[in-house]
Amino acid sequence: MLVGQKSQIELSLRDVDRALEAVEVTTDDVVLYQTVGNILIKSNKNETIESLKKKEESLDLRLKTFTRQEERIQKRFTEQQERLKEALDTAGITAQ
């Protein structure tokens, strides 16, 4: 589940990056629309760039949080695996 959520955030982050790149090369007078819920709102280039950068920051923070969680879970798993191996060795059972 954690991996799936992390992948979804990475995908969203790539989408935001692509959108930001596309908006930055447009002219200043271009009319843009942003999705807000289920509706589109007319926007200008600067507002759109600001909104995309905020979304990018938020997604980046969430991605870092998921990465830290993933690392902590992996560390705990490794520690438990080592404890189990030690317990099995102490009991004279060979771990495979």
N, C-alpha and C. Protein backbone atom coordinates (compact mmCIF):
# COMPACT_ATOMS: atom_id res chain seq x y z
N MET A 1 0.82 -1.19 0.00
CA MET A 1 0.00 0.00 0.00
C MET A 1 0.86 1.25 0.00
N LEU A 2 1.90 1.26 0.81
CA LEU A 2 2.81 2.41 0.89
C LEU A 2 3.50 2.64 -0.45
N VAL A 3 3.90 1.57 -1.09
CA VAL A 3 4.58 1.67 -2.38
C VAL A 3 3.64 2.24 -3.43
N GLY A 4 2.39 1.81 -3.40
CA GLY A 4 1.40 2.32 -4.35
C GLY A 4 1.14 3.81 -4.17
N GLN A 5 1.04 4.25 -2.92
CA GLN A 5 0.82 5.66 -2.65
C GLN A 5 2.04 6.48 -3.06
N LYS A 6 3.22 5.95 -2.80
CA LYS A 6 4.45 6.65 -3.18
C LYS A 6 4.53 6.78 -4.70
N SER A 7 4.18 5.72 -5.41
CA SER A 7 4.18 5.75 -6.87
C SER A 7 3.19 6.78 -7.41
N GLN A 8 2.03 6.86 -6.78
CA GLN A 8 1.02 7.83 -7.19
C GLN A 8 1.53 9.26 -7.00
N ILE A 9 2.21 9.51 -5.90
CA ILE A 9 2.76 10.84 -5.64
C ILE A 9 3.85 11.16 -6.66
N GLU A 10 4.70 10.19 -6.97
CA GLU A 10 5.76 10.40 -7.96
C GLU A 10 5.15 10.73 -9.33
N LEU A 11 4.09 10.04 -9.69
CA LEU A 11 3.40 10.30 -10.95
C LEU A 11 2.80 11.71 -10.96
N SER A 12 2.16 12.09 -9.88
CA SER A 12 1.58 13.43 -9.78
C SER A 12 2.66 14.50 -9.85
N LEU A 13 3.78 14.24 -9.23
CA LEU A 13 4.90 15.19 -9.25
C LEU A 13 5.44 15.36 -10.67
N ARG A 14 5.55 14.27 -11.40
CA ARG A 14 5.99 14.37 -12.80
C ARG A 14 4.98 15.16 -13.64
N ASP A 15 3.69 14.93 -13.39
CA ASP A 15 2.65 15.68 -14.11
C ASP A 15 2.76 17.18 -13.82
N VAL A 16 2.97 17.53 -12.57
CA VAL A 16 3.10 18.94 -12.20
C VAL A 16 4.34 19.53 -12.85
N ASP A 17 5.44 18.79 -12.86
CA ASP A 17 6.66 19.28 -13.50
C ASP A 17 6.45 19.54 -14.99
N ARG A 18 5.78 18.62 -15.67
CA ARG A 18 5.50 18.80 -17.09
C ARG A 18 4.59 20.00 -17.33
N ALA A 19 3.58 20.15 -16.48
CA ALA A 19 2.66 21.28 -16.62
C ALA A 19 3.41 22.59 -16.39
N LEU A 20 4.26 22.62 -15.40
CA LEU A 20 5.04 23.82 -15.08
C LEU A 20 5.95 24.19 -16.25
N GLU A 21 6.59 23.21 -16.83
CA GLU A 21 7.45 23.46 -18.00
C GLU A 21 6.63 24.02 -19.16
N ALA A 22 5.46 23.46 -19.39
CA ALA A 22 4.62 23.91 -20.49
C ALA A 22 4.13 25.34 -20.27
N VAL A 23 3.74 25.67 -19.05
CA VAL A 23 3.23 27.01 -18.75
C VAL A 23 4.34 28.05 -18.83
N GLU A 24 5.54 27.69 -18.40
CA GLU A 24 6.64 28.65 -18.39
C GLU A 24 7.05 29.10 -19.79
N VAL A 25 6.81 28.30 -20.81
CA VAL A 25 7.19 28.69 -22.17
C VAL A 25 6.06 29.42 -22.91
N THR A 26 4.91 29.56 -22.28
CA THR A 26 3.81 30.29 -22.92
C THR A 26 4.03 31.79 -22.78
N THR A 27 3.34 32.55 -23.59
CA THR A 27 3.42 34.01 -23.51
C THR A 27 2.62 34.48 -22.30
N ASP A 28 2.91 35.70 -21.84
CA ASP A 28 2.24 36.23 -20.65
C ASP A 28 0.76 36.51 -20.86
N ASP A 29 0.33 36.72 -22.10
CA ASP A 29 -1.06 37.06 -22.35
C ASP A 29 -1.97 35.85 -22.61
N VAL A 30 -1.41 34.66 -22.54
CA VAL A 30 -2.20 33.46 -22.80
C VAL A 30 -3.21 33.24 -21.67
N VAL A 31 -4.38 32.76 -22.05
CA VAL A 31 -5.42 32.45 -21.06
C VAL A 31 -5.27 30.98 -20.68
N LEU A 32 -5.20 30.73 -19.39
CA LEU A 32 -5.05 29.37 -18.88
C LEU A 32 -6.24 29.05 -17.98
N TYR A 33 -6.47 27.77 -17.79
CA TYR A 33 -7.52 27.32 -16.90
C TYR A 33 -6.94 26.32 -15.91
N GLN A 34 -7.36 26.42 -14.67
CA GLN A 34 -6.93 25.49 -13.63
C GLN A 34 -8.15 24.70 -13.15
N THR A 35 -7.92 23.46 -12.82
CA THR A 35 -9.01 22.67 -12.25
C THR A 35 -9.06 22.92 -10.75
N VAL A 36 -10.26 23.17 -10.28
CA VAL A 36 -10.52 23.33 -8.86
C VAL A 36 -11.71 22.43 -8.57
N GLY A 37 -11.40 21.27 -8.00
CA GLY A 37 -12.47 20.29 -7.81
C GLY A 37 -12.94 19.78 -9.16
N ASN A 38 -14.22 19.96 -9.43
CA ASN A 38 -14.79 19.50 -10.69
C ASN A 38 -15.00 20.60 -11.70
N ILE A 39 -14.46 21.79 -11.45
CA ILE A 39 -14.67 22.91 -12.38
C ILE A 39 -13.34 23.49 -12.84
N LEU A 40 -13.39 24.22 -13.94
CA LEU A 40 -12.22 24.92 -14.45
C LEU A 40 -12.36 26.39 -14.13
N ILE A 41 -11.28 27.00 -13.69
CA ILE A 41 -11.25 28.40 -13.34
C ILE A 41 -10.26 29.10 -14.28
N LYS A 42 -10.68 30.23 -14.86
CA LYS A 42 -9.80 31.00 -15.71
C LYS A 42 -8.67 31.58 -14.87
N SER A 43 -7.46 31.53 -15.40
CA SER A 43 -6.30 31.97 -14.65
C SER A 43 -5.31 32.64 -15.59
N ASN A 44 -4.33 33.32 -15.01
CA ASN A 44 -3.26 33.87 -15.84
C ASN A 44 -1.99 33.07 -15.61
N LYS A 45 -0.96 33.39 -16.36
CA LYS A 45 0.28 32.63 -16.30
C LYS A 45 0.91 32.66 -14.90
N ASN A 46 1.01 33.83 -14.29
CA ASN A 46 1.66 33.94 -12.98
C ASN A 46 0.91 33.18 -11.90
N GLU A 47 -0.42 33.29 -11.88
CA GLU A 47 -1.22 32.56 -10.90
C GLU A 47 -1.06 31.05 -11.08
N THR A 48 -1.04 30.63 -12.32
CA THR A 48 -0.91 29.20 -12.61
C THR A 48 0.45 28.68 -12.18
N ILE A 49 1.50 29.44 -12.48
CA ILE A 49 2.85 29.03 -12.07
C ILE A 49 2.94 28.96 -10.56
N GLU A 50 2.40 29.96 -9.87
CA GLU A 50 2.42 29.97 -8.40
C GLU A 50 1.67 28.76 -7.84
N SER A 51 0.52 28.48 -8.40
CA SER A 51 -0.28 27.34 -7.95
C SER A 51 0.45 26.02 -8.18
N LEU A 52 1.06 25.87 -9.34
CA LEU A 52 1.79 24.64 -9.65
C LEU A 52 3.01 24.47 -8.75
N LYS A 53 3.69 25.56 -8.45
CA LYS A 53 4.86 25.47 -7.56
C LYS A 53 4.45 25.07 -6.15
N LYS A 54 3.31 25.60 -5.67
CA LYS A 54 2.82 25.20 -4.35
C LYS A 54 2.47 23.72 -4.33
N LYS A 55 1.81 23.27 -5.40
CA LYS A 55 1.44 21.86 -5.49
C LYS A 55 2.70 21.00 -5.55
N GLU A 56 3.71 21.45 -6.29
CA GLU A 56 4.97 20.72 -6.39
C GLU A 56 5.64 20.61 -5.03
N GLU A 57 5.67 21.70 -4.26
CA GLU A 57 6.25 21.68 -2.93
C GLU A 57 5.52 20.70 -2.02
N SER A 58 4.20 20.73 -2.08
CA SER A 58 3.39 19.83 -1.26
C SER A 58 3.65 18.37 -1.62
N LEU A 59 3.66 18.07 -2.90
CA LEU A 59 3.91 16.70 -3.34
C LEU A 59 5.33 16.25 -2.98
N ASP A 60 6.29 17.15 -3.11
CA ASP A 60 7.67 16.83 -2.77
C ASP A 60 7.79 16.49 -1.28
N LEU A 61 7.12 17.26 -0.45
CA LEU A 61 7.12 17.00 0.99
C LEU A 61 6.49 15.64 1.30
N ARG A 62 5.36 15.35 0.66
CA ARG A 62 4.71 14.06 0.87
C ARG A 62 5.59 12.91 0.40
N LEU A 63 6.29 13.10 -0.72
CA LEU A 63 7.18 12.07 -1.23
C LEU A 63 8.32 11.81 -0.25
N LYS A 64 8.89 12.86 0.30
CA LYS A 64 9.96 12.70 1.29
C LYS A 64 9.44 11.96 2.53
N THR A 65 8.22 12.28 2.95
CA THR A 65 7.62 11.62 4.10
C THR A 65 7.44 10.12 3.83
N PHE A 66 6.92 9.79 2.66
CA PHE A 66 6.73 8.38 2.31
C PHE A 66 8.07 7.66 2.22
N THR A 67 9.08 8.33 1.70
CA THR A 67 10.41 7.72 1.58
C THR A 67 10.97 7.42 2.97
N ARG A 68 10.82 8.36 3.90
CA ARG A 68 11.30 8.12 5.27
C ARG A 68 10.54 6.97 5.92
N GLN A 69 9.22 6.93 5.72
CA GLN A 69 8.43 5.82 6.27
C GLN A 69 8.89 4.49 5.70
N GLU A 70 9.13 4.47 4.42
CA GLU A 70 9.58 3.26 3.75
C GLU A 70 10.92 2.80 4.31
N GLU A 71 11.83 3.75 4.53
CA GLU A 71 13.14 3.42 5.09
C GLU A 71 13.02 2.89 6.52
N ARG A 72 12.14 3.50 7.33
CA ARG A 72 11.94 3.03 8.70
C ARG A 72 11.36 1.62 8.72
N ILE A 73 10.41 1.36 7.86
CA ILE A 73 9.80 0.03 7.79
C ILE A 73 10.84 -1.00 7.36
N GLN A 74 11.65 -0.66 6.36
CA GLN A 74 12.68 -1.58 5.90
C GLN A 74 13.69 -1.86 7.01
N LYS A 75 14.06 -0.83 7.76
CA LYS A 75 15.01 -1.00 8.86
C LYS A 75 14.43 -1.92 9.94
N ARG A 76 13.15 -1.69 10.29
CA ARG A 76 12.51 -2.54 11.30
C ARG A 76 12.41 -3.98 10.82
N PHE A 77 12.10 -4.16 9.54
CA PHE A 77 12.02 -5.50 8.98
C PHE A 77 13.37 -6.21 9.08
N THR A 78 14.43 -5.50 8.73
CA THR A 78 15.77 -6.08 8.78
C THR A 78 16.14 -6.44 10.22
N GLU A 79 15.82 -5.54 11.17
CA GLU A 79 16.11 -5.82 12.57
C GLU A 79 15.36 -7.05 13.06
N GLN A 80 14.09 -7.16 12.71
CA GLN A 80 13.29 -8.33 13.11
C GLN A 80 13.83 -9.60 12.48
N GLN A 81 14.26 -9.49 11.25
CA GLN A 81 14.82 -10.65 10.56
C GLN A 81 16.09 -11.12 11.26
N GLU A 82 16.93 -10.19 11.67
CA GLU A 82 18.16 -10.54 12.39
C GLU A 82 17.84 -11.17 13.75
N ARG A 83 16.85 -10.61 14.46
CA ARG A 83 16.47 -11.19 15.76
C ARG A 83 15.96 -12.61 15.60
N LEU A 84 15.16 -12.82 14.60
CA LEU A 84 14.62 -14.15 14.33
C LEU A 84 15.75 -15.13 14.00
N LYS A 85 16.68 -14.69 13.20
CA LYS A 85 17.82 -15.54 12.83
C LYS A 85 18.63 -15.90 14.08
N GLU A 86 18.87 -14.90 14.93
CA GLU A 86 19.62 -15.16 16.16
C GLU A 86 18.87 -16.14 17.06
N ALA A 87 17.56 -15.96 17.16
CA ALA A 87 16.75 -16.86 17.99
C ALA A 87 16.79 -18.28 17.46
N LEU A 88 16.71 -18.42 16.15
CA LEU A 88 16.77 -19.74 15.54
C LEU A 88 18.15 -20.38 15.72
N ASP A 89 19.19 -19.55 15.59
CA ASP A 89 20.56 -20.07 15.81
C ASP A 89 20.74 -20.53 17.24
N THR A 90 20.22 -19.76 18.18
CA THR A 90 20.32 -20.10 19.60
C THR A 90 19.58 -21.40 19.89
N ALA A 91 18.46 -21.61 19.21
CA ALA A 91 17.67 -22.82 19.43
C ALA A 91 18.23 -24.01 18.64
N GLY A 92 19.24 -23.75 17.82
CA GLY A 92 19.85 -24.83 17.07
C GLY A 92 19.10 -25.18 15.80
N ILE A 93 18.25 -24.30 15.36
CA ILE A 93 17.49 -24.51 14.12
C ILE A 93 18.18 -23.71 13.02
N THR A 94 18.38 -24.33 11.89
CA THR A 94 19.06 -23.68 10.77
C THR A 94 18.05 -22.85 9.99
N ALA A 95 18.36 -21.57 9.81
CA ALA A 95 17.48 -20.68 9.03
C ALA A 95 17.89 -20.78 7.56
N GLN A 96 16.89 -20.80 6.70
CA GLN A 96 17.19 -20.88 5.27
C GLN A 96 16.87 -19.59 4.58
